[in-house]
Amino acid sequence: MQFLSELGILGLFFILISFIFSLYKLFTLCIKKLKKKISNVEIFETFIFLSIFITLFPFLPSGNFFNNWMLMITHLPLGFYLALSNNKN
């Protein structure tokens, strides 16, 4: 509810898109793990998306999202993901 009151519908849309994207990536990585052995990079990517999923899960109490250290906890996995995707190419 804090996202909706602070950011409105447009801000909530971006948070929902990132939540759904992390859920989708977790699901595809789990399916890939069941089918075959995955690499260490994909395991690291799984933990990154798991941390994004946990921090954005709507039913967990997380305190004020716009607090300084909460933003750091939320955006740190995003930085790791961007660095990992930059190194893959």
Protein backbone atom coordinates (compact mmCIF):
# COMPACT_ATOMS: atom_id res chain seq x y z
CA MET A 1 0.00 0.00 0.00
CA GLN A 2 2.96 2.31 0.54
CA PHE A 3 3.93 2.15 -3.12
CA LEU A 4 0.42 3.02 -4.15
CA SER A 5 0.15 5.97 -1.79
CA GLU A 6 3.63 7.36 -2.47
CA LEU A 7 4.09 6.65 -6.18
CA GLY A 8 0.58 6.25 -7.54
CA ILE A 9 -0.54 3.85 -10.22
CA LEU A 10 2.42 4.50 -12.52
CA GLY A 11 5.03 3.80 -9.82
CA LEU A 12 3.16 0.73 -8.67
CA PHE A 13 3.20 -0.51 -12.26
CA PHE A 14 7.02 -0.45 -12.38
CA ILE A 15 7.31 -2.29 -9.06
CA LEU A 16 4.80 -4.92 -10.22
CA ILE A 17 6.65 -5.39 -13.51
CA SER A 18 9.95 -5.98 -11.69
CA PHE A 19 8.24 -8.39 -9.27
CA ILE A 20 6.64 -10.36 -12.11
CA PHE A 21 9.92 -10.37 -14.09
CA SER A 22 11.85 -11.77 -11.12
CA LEU A 23 9.15 -14.40 -10.57
CA TYR A 24 9.32 -15.36 -14.25
CA LYS A 25 13.11 -15.63 -14.23
CA LEU A 26 13.02 -17.73 -11.04
CA PHE A 27 10.48 -20.06 -12.62
CA THR A 28 12.51 -20.47 -15.83
CA LEU A 29 15.73 -21.08 -13.90
CA CYS A 30 14.00 -23.72 -11.73
CA ILE A 31 12.68 -25.48 -14.83
CA LYS A 32 16.17 -25.35 -16.35
CA LYS A 33 17.61 -26.83 -13.14
CA LEU A 34 15.13 -29.73 -13.26
CA LYS A 35 15.93 -30.50 -16.90
CA LYS A 36 19.70 -30.32 -16.80
CA LYS A 37 22.66 -29.15 -14.81
CA ILE A 38 23.02 -25.37 -14.79
CA SER A 39 26.22 -23.36 -14.62
CA ASN A 40 27.56 -21.40 -11.66
CA VAL A 41 26.59 -18.12 -13.34
CA GLU A 42 22.97 -19.26 -13.58
CA ILE A 43 23.03 -20.31 -9.92
CA PHE A 44 24.29 -16.83 -9.02
CA GLU A 45 21.54 -15.33 -11.20
CA THR A 46 18.99 -17.46 -9.33
CA PHE A 47 20.11 -16.01 -6.00
CA ILE A 48 19.96 -12.49 -7.40
CA PHE A 49 16.37 -12.95 -8.58
CA LEU A 50 15.45 -14.67 -5.33
CA SER A 51 16.67 -11.67 -3.35
CA ILE A 52 14.69 -9.30 -5.60
CA PHE A 53 11.61 -11.48 -5.20
CA ILE A 54 11.92 -11.56 -1.41
CA THR A 55 12.40 -7.80 -1.06
CA LEU A 56 9.42 -7.03 -3.31
CA PHE A 57 7.08 -9.72 -1.94
CA PRO A 58 3.94 -7.80 -0.97
CA PHE A 59 2.89 -9.80 2.10
CA LEU A 60 6.12 -9.49 4.10
CA PRO A 61 6.53 -6.57 6.48
CA SER A 62 9.49 -4.59 5.28
CA GLY A 63 9.28 -1.23 6.99
CA ASN A 64 9.58 1.99 5.07
CA PHE A 65 10.66 1.12 1.54
CA PHE A 66 12.11 4.58 0.95
CA ASN A 67 14.45 4.31 3.92
CA ASN A 68 18.13 4.63 2.99
CA TRP A 69 19.29 1.12 3.88
CA MET A 70 16.12 -0.51 2.51
CA LEU A 71 16.79 1.10 -0.85
CA MET A 72 20.37 -0.15 -0.68
CA ILE A 73 19.20 -3.71 0.11
CA THR A 74 16.73 -3.52 -2.78
CA HIS A 75 19.05 -2.02 -5.37
CA LEU A 76 22.21 -3.98 -4.57
CA PRO A 77 20.97 -7.17 -6.33
CA LEU A 78 19.93 -5.01 -9.28
CA GLY A 79 23.52 -3.78 -9.61
CA PHE A 80 24.83 -7.34 -9.44
CA TYR A 81 22.35 -8.41 -12.13
CA LEU A 82 23.35 -5.55 -14.42
CA ALA A 83 27.04 -6.37 -13.98
CA LEU A 84 26.36 -10.07 -14.61
CA SER A 85 24.32 -9.39 -17.75
CA ASN A 86 27.01 -7.00 -19.01
CA ASN A 87 29.69 -9.70 -18.58
CA LYS A 88 27.60 -12.34 -20.38
CA ASN A 89 27.59 -10.36 -23.63
